[in-house]
PDB file of N, CA and C in Angstrom:
ATOM      1  N   UNK A   1       0.824  -1.192   0.000  1.00  0.00           N
ATOM      2  CA  UNK A   1       0.000   0.000   0.000  1.00  0.00           C
ATOM      3  C   UNK A   1       0.872   1.262   0.000  1.00  0.00           C
ATOM      4  N   UNK A   2       1.964   1.254   0.805  1.00  0.00           N
ATOM      5  CA  UNK A   2       2.850   2.413   0.862  1.00  0.00           C
ATOM      6  C   UNK A   2       3.545   2.654  -0.477  1.00  0.00           C
ATOM      7  N   UNK A   3       3.907   1.556  -1.161  1.00  0.00           N
ATOM      8  CA  UNK A   3       4.571   1.703  -2.456  1.00  0.00           C
ATOM      9  C   UNK A   3       3.632   2.349  -3.462  1.00  0.00           C
ATOM     10  N   UNK A   4       2.360   1.966  -3.429  1.00  0.00           N
ATOM     11  CA  UNK A   4       1.389   2.547  -4.335  1.00  0.00           C
ATOM     12  C   UNK A   4       1.186   4.027  -4.034  1.00  0.00           C
ATOM     13  N   UNK A   5       1.138   4.368  -2.750  1.00  0.00           N
ATOM     14  CA  UNK A   5       0.978   5.763  -2.348  1.00  0.00           C
ATOM     15  C   UNK A   5       2.185   6.593  -2.755  1.00  0.00           C
ATOM     16  N   UNK A   6       3.387   6.049  -2.572  1.00  0.00           N
ATOM     17  CA  UNK A   6       4.583   6.798  -2.961  1.00  0.00           C
ATOM     18  C   UNK A   6       4.669   6.945  -4.476  1.00  0.00           C
ATOM     19  N   UNK A   7       4.203   5.941  -5.229  1.00  0.00           N
ATOM     20  CA  UNK A   7       4.174   6.064  -6.688  1.00  0.00           C
ATOM     21  C   UNK A   7       3.234   7.185  -7.121  1.00  0.00           C
ATOM     22  N   UNK A   8       2.084   7.283  -6.448  1.00  0.00           N
ATOM     23  CA  UNK A   8       1.114   8.332  -6.770  1.00  0.00           C
ATOM     24  C   UNK A   8       1.695   9.699  -6.430  1.00  0.00           C
ATOM     25  N   UNK A   9       2.365   9.810  -5.275  1.00  0.00           N
ATOM     26  CA  UNK A   9       2.960  11.091  -4.884  1.00  0.00           C
ATOM     27  C   UNK A   9       4.063  11.491  -5.852  1.00  0.00           C
ATOM     28  N   UNK A  10       4.891  10.526  -6.259  1.00  0.00           N
ATOM     29  CA  UNK A  10       5.947  10.856  -7.211  1.00  0.00           C
ATOM     30  C   UNK A  10       5.347  11.302  -8.533  1.00  0.00           C
ATOM     31  N   UNK A  11       4.318  10.614  -8.980  1.00  0.00           N
ATOM     32  CA  UNK A  11       3.668  10.981 -10.247  1.00  0.00           C
ATOM     33  C   UNK A  11       3.124  12.412 -10.171  1.00  0.00           C
ATOM     34  N   UNK A  12       2.505  12.772  -9.034  1.00  0.00           N
ATOM     35  CA  UNK A  12       1.999  14.133  -8.860  1.00  0.00           C
ATOM     36  C   UNK A  12       3.149  15.146  -8.883  1.00  0.00           C
ATOM     37  N   UNK A  13       4.223  14.818  -8.158  1.00  0.00           N
ATOM     38  CA  UNK A  13       5.395  15.704  -8.121  1.00  0.00           C
ATOM     39  C   UNK A  13       5.994  15.855  -9.514  1.00  0.00           C
ATOM     40  N   UNK A  14       6.181  14.729 -10.198  1.00  0.00           N
ATOM     41  CA  UNK A  14       6.794  14.737 -11.522  1.00  0.00           C
ATOM     42  C   UNK A  14       5.964  15.561 -12.496  1.00  0.00           C
ATOM     43  N   UNK A  15       4.656  15.417 -12.442  1.00  0.00           N
ATOM     44  CA  UNK A  15       3.786  16.185 -13.334  1.00  0.00           C
ATOM     45  C   UNK A  15       3.764  17.670 -12.963  1.00  0.00           C
ATOM     46  N   UNK A  16       3.992  17.986 -11.691  1.00  0.00           N
ATOM     47  CA  UNK A  16       4.005  19.393 -11.275  1.00  0.00           C
ATOM     48  C   UNK A  16       5.220  20.141 -11.825  1.00  0.00           C
ATOM     49  N   UNK A  17       6.232  19.415 -12.262  1.00  0.00           N
ATOM     50  CA  UNK A  17       7.418  20.056 -12.818  1.00  0.00           C
ATOM     51  C   UNK A  17       7.116  20.794 -14.124  1.00  0.00           C
ATOM     52  N   UNK A  18       6.016  20.438 -14.787  1.00  0.00           N
ATOM     53  CA  UNK A  18       5.605  21.167 -15.996  1.00  0.00           C
ATOM     54  C   UNK A  18       5.313  22.622 -15.694  1.00  0.00           C
ATOM     55  N   UNK A  19       4.718  22.870 -14.528  1.00  0.00           N
ATOM     56  CA  UNK A  19       4.232  24.211 -14.201  1.00  0.00           C
ATOM     57  C   UNK A  19       5.147  24.985 -13.258  1.00  0.00           C
ATOM     58  N   UNK A  20       6.122  24.335 -12.677  1.00  0.00           N
ATOM     59  CA  UNK A  20       6.965  24.972 -11.656  1.00  0.00           C
ATOM     60  C   UNK A  20       8.425  24.989 -12.082  1.00  0.00           C
ATOM     61  N   UNK A  21       8.886  26.096 -12.647  1.00  0.00           N
ATOM     62  CA  UNK A  21      10.306  26.166 -13.025  1.00  0.00           C
ATOM     63  C   UNK A  21      11.200  26.238 -11.793  1.00  0.00           C
ATOM     64  N   UNK A  22      12.454  25.869 -11.954  1.00  0.00           N
ATOM     65  CA  UNK A  22      13.435  25.913 -10.877  1.00  0.00           C
ATOM     66  C   UNK A  22      14.127  27.278 -10.879  1.00  0.00           C
ATOM     67  N   UNK A  23      15.070  27.469  -9.955  1.00  0.00           N
ATOM     68  CA  UNK A  23      15.779  28.754  -9.928  1.00  0.00           C
ATOM     69  C   UNK A  23      16.718  28.902 -11.129  1.00  0.00           C
ATOM     70  N   UNK A  24      17.086  27.776 -11.730  1.00  0.00           N
ATOM     71  CA  UNK A  24      17.916  27.829 -12.935  1.00  0.00           C
ATOM     72  C   UNK A  24      17.002  27.950 -14.149  1.00  0.00           C
ATOM     73  N   UNK A  25      17.226  28.938 -15.009  1.00  0.00           N
ATOM     74  CA  UNK A  25      16.386  29.063 -16.207  1.00  0.00           C
ATOM     75  C   UNK A  25      16.503  27.816 -17.090  1.00  0.00           C
ATOM     76  N   UNK A  26      15.406  27.465 -17.735  1.00  0.00           N
ATOM     77  CA  UNK A  26      15.387  26.275 -18.597  1.00  0.00           C
ATOM     78  C   UNK A  26      16.447  26.361 -19.691  1.00  0.00           C
ATOM     79  N   UNK A  27      16.696  27.576 -20.195  1.00  0.00           N
ATOM     80  CA  UNK A  27      17.696  27.749 -21.256  1.00  0.00           C
ATOM     81  C   UNK A  27      19.103  27.399 -20.764  1.00  0.00           C
ATOM     82  N   UNK A  28      19.397  27.762 -19.514  1.00  0.00           N
ATOM     83  CA  UNK A  28      20.707  27.436 -18.939  1.00  0.00           C
ATOM     84  C   UNK A  28      20.862  25.928 -18.782  1.00  0.00           C
ATOM     85  N   UNK A  29      19.830  25.283 -18.278  1.00  0.00           N
ATOM     86  CA  UNK A  29      19.866  23.832 -18.104  1.00  0.00           C
ATOM     87  C   UNK A  29      20.018  23.152 -19.459  1.00  0.00           C
ATOM     88  N   UNK A  30      19.252  23.621 -20.458  1.00  0.00           N
ATOM     89  CA  UNK A  30      19.365  23.064 -21.814  1.00  0.00           C
ATOM     90  C   UNK A  30      20.783  23.180 -22.348  1.00  0.00           C
ATOM     91  N   UNK A  31      21.374  24.352 -22.209  1.00  0.00           N
ATOM     92  CA  UNK A  31      22.729  24.577 -22.732  1.00  0.00           C
ATOM     93  C   UNK A  31      23.740  23.659 -22.057  1.00  0.00           C
ATOM     94  N   UNK A  32      23.643  23.522 -20.739  1.00  0.00           N
ATOM     95  CA  UNK A  32      24.589  22.672 -20.021  1.00  0.00           C
ATOM     96  C   UNK A  32      24.401  21.202 -20.373  1.00  0.00           C
ATOM     97  N   UNK A  33      23.159  20.773 -20.492  1.00  0.00           N
ATOM     98  CA  UNK A  33      22.901  19.374 -20.845  1.00  0.00           C
ATOM     99  C   UNK A  33      23.341  19.076 -22.271  1.00  0.00           C
ATOM    100  N   UNK A  34      23.116  20.017 -23.184  1.00  0.00           N
ATOM    101  CA  UNK A  34      23.568  19.817 -24.567  1.00  0.00           C
ATOM    102  C   UNK A  34      25.084  19.751 -24.639  1.00  0.00           C
ATOM    103  N   UNK A  35      25.766  20.539 -23.804  1.00  0.00           N
ATOM    104  CA  UNK A  35      27.235  20.536 -23.796  1.00  0.00           C
ATOM    105  C   UNK A  35      27.790  19.183 -23.360  1.00  0.00           C
ATOM    106  N   UNK A  36      27.013  18.461 -22.568  1.00  0.00           N
ATOM    107  CA  UNK A  36      27.465  17.135 -22.116  1.00  0.00           C
ATOM    108  C   UNK A  36      26.969  16.020 -23.026  1.00  0.00           C
ATOM    109  N   UNK A  37      26.153  16.368 -24.035  1.00  0.00           N
ATOM    110  CA  UNK A  37      25.652  15.371 -24.965  1.00  0.00           C
ATOM    111  C   UNK A  37      24.316  14.779 -24.554  1.00  0.00           C
ATOM    112  N   UNK A  38      23.705  15.307 -23.523  1.00  0.00           N
ATOM    113  CA  UNK A  38      22.419  14.805 -23.045  1.00  0.00           C
ATOM    114  C   UNK A  38      21.297  15.442 -23.849  1.00  0.00           C
ATOM    115  N   UNK A  39      20.440  14.604 -24.418  1.00  0.00           N
ATOM    116  CA  UNK A  39      19.312  15.114 -25.190  1.00  0.00           C
ATOM    117  C   UNK A  39      18.033  14.459 -24.686  1.00  0.00           C
ATOM    118  N   UNK A  40      17.091  15.283 -24.283  1.00  0.00           N
ATOM    119  CA  UNK A  40      15.802  14.796 -23.822  1.00  0.00           C
ATOM    120  C   UNK A  40      14.775  15.896 -24.060  1.00  0.00           C
ATOM    121  N   UNK A  41      13.724  15.607 -24.773  1.00  0.00           N
ATOM    122  CA  UNK A  41      12.733  16.642 -25.048  1.00  0.00           C
ATOM    123  C   UNK A  41      11.792  16.920 -23.867  1.00  0.00           C
ATOM    124  N   UNK A  42      11.778  16.052 -22.860  1.00  0.00           N
ATOM    125  CA  UNK A  42      10.851  16.194 -21.729  1.00  0.00           C
ATOM    126  C   UNK A  42      11.367  17.250 -20.745  1.00  0.00           C
ATOM    127  N   UNK A  43      10.642  18.356 -20.643  1.00  0.00           N
ATOM    128  CA  UNK A  43      11.037  19.455 -19.757  1.00  0.00           C
ATOM    129  C   UNK A  43      11.046  19.013 -18.298  1.00  0.00           C
ATOM    130  N   UNK A  44      10.212  18.042 -17.957  1.00  0.00           N
ATOM    131  CA  UNK A  44      10.154  17.580 -16.570  1.00  0.00           C
ATOM    132  C   UNK A  44      11.462  16.919 -16.146  1.00  0.00           C
ATOM    133  N   UNK A  45      12.079  16.186 -17.047  1.00  0.00           N
ATOM    134  CA  UNK A  45      13.366  15.549 -16.739  1.00  0.00           C
ATOM    135  C   UNK A  45      14.431  16.621 -16.524  1.00  0.00           C
ATOM    136  N   UNK A  46      14.436  17.620 -17.400  1.00  0.00           N
ATOM    137  CA  UNK A  46      15.412  18.706 -17.277  1.00  0.00           C
ATOM    138  C   UNK A  46      15.223  19.466 -15.968  1.00  0.00           C
ATOM    139  N   UNK A  47      13.978  19.712 -15.601  1.00  0.00           N
ATOM    140  CA  UNK A  47      13.718  20.424 -14.346  1.00  0.00           C
ATOM    141  C   UNK A  47      14.024  19.553 -13.135  1.00  0.00           C
ATOM    142  N   UNK A  48      13.872  18.260 -13.263  1.00  0.00           N
ATOM    143  CA  UNK A  48      14.248  17.355 -12.169  1.00  0.00           C
ATOM    144  C   UNK A  48      15.763  17.386 -11.960  1.00  0.00           C
ATOM    145  N   UNK A  49      16.520  17.432 -13.052  1.00  0.00           N
ATOM    146  CA  UNK A  49      17.977  17.553 -12.965  1.00  0.00           C
ATOM    147  C   UNK A  49      18.354  18.894 -12.339  1.00  0.00           C
ATOM    148  N   UNK A  50      17.677  19.964 -12.748  1.00  0.00           N
ATOM    149  CA  UNK A  50      17.943  21.289 -12.181  1.00  0.00           C
ATOM    150  C   UNK A  50      17.614  21.316 -10.689  1.00  0.00           C
ATOM    151  N   UNK A  51      16.543  20.648 -10.298  1.00  0.00           N
ATOM    152  CA  UNK A  51      16.163  20.589  -8.891  1.00  0.00           C
ATOM    153  C   UNK A  51      17.205  19.823  -8.070  1.00  0.00           C
ATOM    154  N   UNK A  52      17.727  18.736  -8.631  1.00  0.00           N
ATOM    155  CA  UNK A  52      18.791  17.988  -7.957  1.00  0.00           C
ATOM    156  C   UNK A  52      20.052  18.843  -7.828  1.00  0.00           C
ATOM    157  N   UNK A  53      20.336  19.646  -8.842  1.00  0.00           N
ATOM    158  CA  UNK A  53      21.485  20.556  -8.800  1.00  0.00           C
ATOM    159  C   UNK A  53      21.298  21.612  -7.724  1.00  0.00           C
ATOM    160  N   UNK A  54      20.092  22.161  -7.626  1.00  0.00           N
ATOM    161  CA  UNK A  54      19.777  23.123  -6.569  1.00  0.00           C
ATOM    162  C   UNK A  54      20.036  22.524  -5.191  1.00  0.00           C
ATOM    163  N   UNK A  55      19.564  21.306  -5.005  1.00  0.00           N
ATOM    164  CA  UNK A  55      19.720  20.628  -3.711  1.00  0.00           C
ATOM    165  C   UNK A  55      21.199  20.412  -3.400  1.00  0.00           C
ATOM    166  N   UNK A  56      21.967  19.974  -4.389  1.00  0.00           N
ATOM    167  CA  UNK A  56      23.389  19.745  -4.189  1.00  0.00           C
ATOM    168  C   UNK A  56      24.103  21.041  -3.810  1.00  0.00           C
ATOM    169  N   UNK A  57      23.846  22.116  -4.560  1.00  0.00           N
ATOM    170  CA  UNK A  57      24.476  23.401  -4.258  1.00  0.00           C
ATOM    171  C   UNK A  57      24.070  23.914  -2.883  1.00  0.00           C
ATOM    172  N   UNK A  58      22.820  23.737  -2.539  1.00  0.00           N
ATOM    173  CA  UNK A  58      22.341  24.155  -1.225  1.00  0.00           C
ATOM    174  C   UNK A  58      23.067  23.405  -0.112  1.00  0.00           C
ATOM    175  N   UNK A  59      23.243  22.100  -0.292  1.00  0.00           N
ATOM    176  CA  UNK A  59      23.952  21.296   0.712  1.00  0.00           C
ATOM    177  C   UNK A  59      25.408  21.720   0.843  1.00  0.00           C
ATOM    178  N   UNK A  60      26.078  21.922  -0.286  1.00  0.00           N
ATOM    179  CA  UNK A  60      27.492  22.303  -0.260  1.00  0.00           C
ATOM    180  C   UNK A  60      27.663  23.675   0.384  1.00  0.00           C
ATOM    181  N   UNK A  61      26.831  24.630   0.006  1.00  0.00           N
ATOM    182  CA  UNK A  61      26.954  25.972   0.573  1.00  0.00           C
ATOM    183  C   UNK A  61      26.589  26.000   2.052  1.00  0.00           C
ATOM    184  N   UNK A  62      25.635  25.195   2.450  1.00  0.00           N
ATOM    185  CA  UNK A  62      25.287  25.097   3.865  1.00  0.00           C
ATOM    186  C   UNK A  62      26.458  24.513   4.662  1.00  0.00           C
ATOM    187  N   UNK A  63      27.074  23.468   4.121  1.00  0.00           N
ATOM    188  CA  UNK A  63      28.247  22.874   4.777  1.00  0.00           C
ATOM    189  C   UNK A  63      29.393  23.881   4.856  1.00  0.00           C
ATOM    190  N   UNK A  64      29.618  24.626   3.783  1.00  0.00           N
ATOM    191  CA  UNK A  64      30.696  25.620   3.773  1.00  0.00           C
ATOM    192  C   UNK A  64      30.433  26.698   4.812  1.00  0.00           C
ATOM    193  N   UNK A  65      29.183  27.106   4.943  1.00  0.00           N
ATOM    194  CA  UNK A  65      28.834  28.115   5.943  1.00  0.00           C
ATOM    195  C   UNK A  65      29.094  27.587   7.345  1.00  0.00           C
ATOM    196  N   UNK A  66      28.682  26.354   7.606  1.00  0.00           N
ATOM    197  CA  UNK A  66      28.915  25.760   8.925  1.00  0.00           C
ATOM    198  C   UNK A  66      30.413  25.647   9.210  1.00  0.00           C
ATOM    199  N   UNK A  67      31.192  25.264   8.213  1.00  0.00           N
ATOM    200  CA  UNK A  67      32.639  25.162   8.391  1.00  0.00           C
ATOM    201  C   UNK A  67      33.260  26.528   8.657  1.00  0.00           C
ATOM    202  N   UNK A  68      32.749  27.560   7.994  1.00  0.00           N
ATOM    203  CA  UNK A  68      33.317  28.890   8.196  1.00  0.00           C
ATOM    204  C   UNK A  68      33.059  29.385   9.616  1.00  0.00           C
ATOM    205  N   UNK A  69      31.968  28.936  10.215  1.00  0.00           N
ATOM    206  CA  UNK A  69      31.649  29.361  11.578  1.00  0.00           C
ATOM    207  C   UNK A  69      32.546  28.686  12.624  1.00  0.00           C
ATOM    208  N   UNK A  70      33.080  27.507  12.287  1.00  0.00           N
ATOM    209  CA  UNK A  70      33.894  26.793  13.281  1.00  0.00           C
ATOM    210  C   UNK A  70      35.388  26.888  13.014  1.00  0.00           C
ATOM    211  N   UNK A  71      35.771  27.647  11.994  1.00  0.00           N
ATOM    212  CA  UNK A  71      37.198  27.803  11.699  1.00  0.00           C
ATOM    213  C   UNK A  71      37.884  28.506  12.863  1.00  0.00           C
ATOM    214  N   UNK A  72      39.058  28.010  13.279  1.00  0.00           N
ATOM    215  CA  UNK A  72      39.753  28.622  14.419  1.00  0.00           C
ATOM    216  C   UNK A  72      40.231  30.043  14.156  1.00  0.00           C
ATOM    217  N   UNK A  73      40.593  30.349  12.927  1.00  0.00           N
ATOM    218  CA  UNK A  73      41.066  31.689  12.583  1.00  0.00           C
ATOM    219  C   UNK A  73      39.930  32.471  11.944  1.00  0.00           C
ATOM    220  N   UNK A  74      39.700  33.659  12.446  1.00  0.00           N
ATOM    221  CA  UNK A  74      38.660  34.486  11.845  1.00  0.00           C
ATOM    222  C   UNK A  74      39.178  35.096  10.550  1.00  0.00           C
ATOM    223  N   UNK A  75      38.265  35.294   9.634  1.00  0.00           N
ATOM    224  CA  UNK A  75      38.631  35.967   8.398  1.00  0.00           C
ATOM    225  C   UNK A  75      38.759  37.455   8.671  1.00  0.00           C
ATOM    226  N   UNK A  76      39.800  38.058   8.155  1.00  0.00           N
ATOM    227  CA  UNK A  76      40.043  39.482   8.387  1.00  0.00           C
ATOM    228  C   UNK A  76      40.200  40.183   7.048  1.00  0.00           C
ATOM    229  N   UNK A  77      39.772  41.433   7.004  1.00  0.00           N
ATOM    230  CA  UNK A  77      39.984  42.226   5.798  1.00  0.00           C
ATOM    231  C   UNK A  77      41.361  42.894   5.885  1.00  0.00           C
ATOM    232  N   UNK A  78      41.689  43.753   4.926  1.00  0.00           N
ATOM    233  CA  UNK A  78      43.011  44.379   4.885  1.00  0.00           C
ATOM    234  C   UNK A  78      43.286  45.267   6.087  1.00  0.00           C
ATOM    235  N   UNK A  79      42.243  45.782   6.711  1.00  0.00           N
ATOM    236  CA  UNK A  79      42.408  46.647   7.879  1.00  0.00           C
ATOM    237  C   UNK A  79      42.463  45.839   9.178  1.00  0.00           C
ATOM    238  N   UNK A  80      42.388  44.517   9.080  1.00  0.00           N
ATOM    239  CA  UNK A  80      42.436  43.685  10.269  1.00  0.00           C
ATOM    240  C   UNK A  80      41.090  43.510  10.953  1.00  0.00           C
ATOM    241  N   UNK A  81      40.026  44.001  10.316  1.00  0.00           N
ATOM    242  CA  UNK A  81      38.694  43.874  10.887  1.00  0.00           C
ATOM    243  C   UNK A  81      38.111  42.510  10.539  1.00  0.00           C
ATOM    244  N   UNK A  82      37.334  41.949  11.452  1.00  0.00           N
ATOM    245  CA  UNK A  82      36.703  40.645  11.242  1.00  0.00           C
ATOM    246  C   UNK A  82      35.693  40.734  10.104  1.00  0.00           C
ATOM    247  N   UNK A  83      35.625  39.691   9.290  1.00  0.00           N
ATOM    248  CA  UNK A  83      34.701  39.642   8.161  1.00  0.00           C
ATOM    249  C   UNK A  83      33.805  38.415   8.282  1.00  0.00           C
ATOM    250  N   UNK A  84      32.773  38.467   9.111  1.00  0.00           N
ATOM    251  CA  UNK A  84      31.898  37.303   9.239  1.00  0.00           C
ATOM    252  C   UNK A  84      31.091  37.089   7.965  1.00  0.00           C
ATOM    253  N   UNK A  85      30.779  35.856   7.682  1.00  0.00           N
ATOM    254  CA  UNK A  85      29.955  35.543   6.525  1.00  0.00           C
ATOM    255  C   UNK A  85      30.678  35.562   5.199  1.00  0.00           C
ATOM    256  N   UNK A  86      32.001  35.550   5.195  1.00  0.00           N
ATOM    257  CA  UNK A  86      32.770  35.557   3.961  1.00  0.00           C
ATOM    258  C   UNK A  86      33.075  34.112   3.571  1.00  0.00           C
ATOM    259  N   UNK A  87      32.697  33.744   2.368  1.00  0.00           N
ATOM    260  CA  UNK A  87      32.963  32.400   1.867  1.00  0.00           C
ATOM    261  C   UNK A  87      34.371  32.373   1.296  1.00  0.00           C
ATOM    262  N   UNK A  88      35.223  31.543   1.855  1.00  0.00           N
ATOM    263  CA  UNK A  88      36.592  31.438   1.368  1.00  0.00           C
ATOM    264  C   UNK A  88      36.758  30.154   0.568  1.00  0.00           C
ATOM    265  N   UNK A  89      37.800  30.112  -0.238  1.00  0.00           N
ATOM    266  CA  UNK A  89      38.078  28.923  -1.022  1.00  0.00           C
ATOM    267  C   UNK A  89      38.355  27.738  -0.116  1.00  0.00           C
ATOM    268  N   UNK A  90      39.003  27.966   1.014  1.00  0.00           N
ATOM    269  CA  UNK A  90      39.293  26.849   1.907  1.00  0.00           C
ATOM    270  C   UNK A  90      38.021  26.261   2.505  1.00  0.00           C
ATOM    271  N   UNK A  91      37.047  27.117   2.887  1.00  0.00           N
ATOM    272  CA  UNK A  91      35.767  26.617   3.390  1.00  0.00           C
ATOM    273  C   UNK A  91      35.027  25.831   2.312  1.00  0.00           C
ATOM    274  N   UNK A  92      35.005  26.382   1.118  1.00  0.00           N
ATOM    275  CA  UNK A  92      34.321  25.724   0.009  1.00  0.00           C
ATOM    276  C   UNK A  92      35.006  24.414  -0.363  1.00  0.00           C
ATOM    277  N   UNK A  93      36.330  24.395  -0.349  1.00  0.00           N
ATOM    278  CA  UNK A  93      37.075  23.178  -0.671  1.00  0.00           C
ATOM    279  C   UNK A  93      36.784  22.068   0.331  1.00  0.00           C
ATOM    280  N   UNK A  94      36.728  22.427   1.622  1.00  0.00           N
ATOM    281  CA  UNK A  94      36.411  21.430   2.646  1.00  0.00           C
ATOM    282  C   UNK A  94      35.001  20.885   2.485  1.00  0.00           C
ATOM    283  N   UNK A  95      34.054  21.770   2.188  1.00  0.00           N
ATOM    284  CA  UNK A  95      32.664  21.344   2.001  1.00  0.00           C
ATOM    285  C   UNK A  95      32.530  20.442   0.775  1.00  0.00           C
ATOM    286  N   UNK A  96      33.203  20.803  -0.305  1.00  0.00           N
ATOM    287  CA  UNK A  96      33.144  19.973  -1.509  1.00  0.00           C
ATOM    288  C   UNK A  96      33.816  18.629  -1.280  1.00  0.00           C
ATOM    289  N   UNK A  97      34.894  18.613  -0.490  1.00  0.00           N
ATOM    290  CA  UNK A  97      35.576  17.352  -0.190  1.00  0.00           C
ATOM    291  C   UNK A  97      34.648  16.392   0.548  1.00  0.00           C
ATOM    292  N   UNK A  98      33.772  16.927   1.396  1.00  0.00           N
ATOM    293  CA  UNK A  98      32.800  16.079   2.091  1.00  0.00           C
ATOM    294  C   UNK A  98      31.818  15.435   1.121  1.00  0.00           C
ATOM    295  N   UNK A  99      31.671  16.022  -0.058  1.00  0.00           N
ATOM    296  CA  UNK A  99      30.776  15.489  -1.080  1.00  0.00           C
ATOM    297  C   UNK A  99      31.554  14.769  -2.185  1.00  0.00           C
ATOM    298  N   UNK A 100      32.832  14.509  -1.950  1.00  0.00           N
ATOM    299  CA  UNK A 100      33.633  13.731  -2.887  1.00  0.00           C
ATOM    300  C   UNK A 100      34.260  14.512  -4.018  1.00  0.00           C
ATOM    301  N   UNK A 101      34.316  15.835  -3.912  1.00  0.00           N
ATOM    302  CA  UNK A 101      34.904  16.666  -4.973  1.00  0.00           C
ATOM    303  C   UNK A 101      36.132  17.356  -4.408  1.00  0.00           C
ATOM    304  N   UNK A 102      37.276  17.103  -5.025  1.00  0.00           N
ATOM    305  CA  UNK A 102      38.528  17.715  -4.580  1.00  0.00           C
ATOM    306  C   UNK A 102      38.814  18.965  -5.394  1.00  0.00           C
ATOM    307  N   UNK A 103      39.168  20.051  -4.706  1.00  0.00           N
ATOM    308  CA  UNK A 103      39.486  21.318  -5.357  1.00  0.00           C
ATOM    309  C   UNK A 103      40.889  21.717  -4.945  1.00  0.00           C
ATOM    310  N   UNK A 104      41.728  22.000  -5.929  1.00  0.00           N
ATOM    311  CA  UNK A 104      43.089  22.458  -5.661  1.00  0.00           C
ATOM    312  C   UNK A 104      43.204  23.910  -6.087  1.00  0.00           C
ATOM    313  N   UNK A 105      43.999  24.665  -5.339  1.00  0.00           N
ATOM    314  CA  UNK A 105      44.282  26.041  -5.755  1.00  0.00           C
ATOM    315  C   UNK A 105      45.152  26.004  -6.998  1.00  0.00           C
ATOM    316  N   UNK A 106      44.941  26.936  -7.917  1.00  0.00           N
ATOM    317  CA  UNK A 106      45.817  26.987  -9.081  1.00  0.00           C
ATOM    318  C   UNK A 106      47.218  27.431  -8.671  1.00  0.00           C
ATOM    319  N   UNK A 107      48.203  27.012  -9.436  1.00  0.00           N
ATOM    320  CA  UNK A 107      49.571  27.422  -9.142  1.00  0.00           C
ATOM    321  C   UNK A 107      49.722  28.930  -9.293  1.00  0.00           C
ATOM    322  N   UNK A 108      48.997  29.511 -10.227  1.00  0.00           N
ATOM    323  CA  UNK A 108      49.022  30.954 -10.436  1.00  0.00           C
ATOM    324  C   UNK A 108      47.710  31.349 -11.108  1.00  0.00           C
ATOM    325  N   UNK A 109      47.388  32.611 -11.030  1.00  0.00           N
ATOM    326  CA  UNK A 109      46.213  33.128 -11.726  1.00  0.00           C
ATOM    327  C   UNK A 109      46.476  34.573 -12.116  1.00  0.00           C
ATOM    328  N   UNK A 110      45.823  35.004 -13.182  1.00  0.00           N
ATOM    329  CA  UNK A 110      45.972  36.380 -13.647  1.00  0.00           C
ATOM    330  C   UNK A 110      45.108  37.286 -12.789  1.00  0.00           C
ATOM    331  N   UNK A 111      45.692  38.371 -12.321  1.00  0.00           N
ATOM    332  CA  UNK A 111      44.971  39.332 -11.499  1.00  0.00           C
ATOM    333  C   UNK A 111      43.857  39.984 -12.310  1.00  0.00           C
ATOM    334  N   UNK A 112      44.162  40.297 -13.532  1.00  0.00           N
ATOM    335  CA  UNK A 112      43.214  40.928 -14.433  1.00  0.00           C
ATOM    336  C   UNK A 112      43.615  40.545 -15.850  1.00  0.00           C
ATOM    337  N   UNK A 113      42.650  40.287 -16.715  1.00  0.00           N
ATOM    338  CA  UNK A 113      43.020  39.888 -18.076  1.00  0.00           C
ATOM    339  C   UNK A 113      43.751  40.984 -18.848  1.00  0.00           C
ATOM    340  N   UNK A 114      43.600  42.240 -18.424  1.00  0.00           N
ATOM    341  CA  UNK A 114      44.234  43.329 -19.174  1.00  0.00           C
ATOM    342  C   UNK A 114      45.612  43.692 -18.638  1.00  0.00           C
ATOM    343  N   UNK A 115      45.855  43.537 -17.335  1.00  0.00           N
ATOM    344  CA  UNK A 115      47.127  43.967 -16.776  1.00  0.00           C
ATOM    345  C   UNK A 115      48.237  42.956 -16.994  1.00  0.00           C
ATOM    346  N   UNK A 116      47.854  41.676 -17.061  1.00  0.00           N
ATOM    347  CA  UNK A 116      48.861  40.651 -17.228  1.00  0.00           C
ATOM    348  C   UNK A 116      49.630  40.364 -15.950  1.00  0.00           C
ATOM    349  N   UNK A 117      49.251  41.005 -14.841  1.00  0.00           N
ATOM    350  CA  UNK A 117      49.900  40.782 -13.552  1.00  0.00           C
ATOM    351  C   UNK A 117      49.525  39.390 -13.044  1.00  0.00           C
ATOM    352  N   UNK A 118      50.494  38.636 -12.590  1.00  0.00           N
ATOM    353  CA  UNK A 118      50.251  37.269 -12.111  1.00  0.00           C
ATOM    354  C   UNK A 118      50.477  37.218 -10.612  1.00  0.00           C
ATOM    355  N   UNK A 119      49.499  36.664  -9.915  1.00  0.00           N
ATOM    356  CA  UNK A 119      49.612  36.418  -8.472  1.00  0.00           C
ATOM    357  C   UNK A 119      49.910  34.956  -8.250  1.00  0.00           C
ATOM    358  N   UNK A 120      50.819  34.679  -7.353  1.00  0.00           N
ATOM    359  CA  UNK A 120      51.132  33.300  -6.988  1.00  0.00           C
ATOM    360  C   UNK A 120      50.673  33.103  -5.551  1.00  0.00           C
ATOM    361  N   UNK A 121      49.621  32.257  -5.344  1.00  0.00           N
ATOM    362  CA  UNK A 121      49.116  32.051  -3.978  1.00  0.00           C
ATOM    363  C   UNK A 121      50.174  31.419  -3.097  1.00  0.00           C
ATOM    364  N   UNK A 122      50.123  31.767  -1.818  1.00  0.00           N
ATOM    365  CA  UNK A 122      51.091  31.220  -0.864  1.00  0.00           C
ATOM    366  C   UNK A 122      50.549  29.998  -0.203  1.00  0.00           C
TER     367      UNK A 122
END
């Protein structure tokens, strides 16, 4: 009986995706899926993928926020003032690592595309 009820609820949810767009525009989802070679004319499938992406990003950002609150060193700006609520690469890297994604800092990056100045992270 529970399986039948859950099938009915899923069917209702799945059909509701026709009328309820996600925070990601359908055009963005289409472009990203086409870039990976995924082709499906059913908008509900695309919106289900977008909804799963929303959930994943929400989980990662929530984890990063929690990690930033428990970091032993406070984030400081150039004047030495505390900067609460600042998302750092280290917080994000730790949160992504909990979800199986490893992020490495680049060896170098361009400060600006026009200046050509290169910063080397320490």
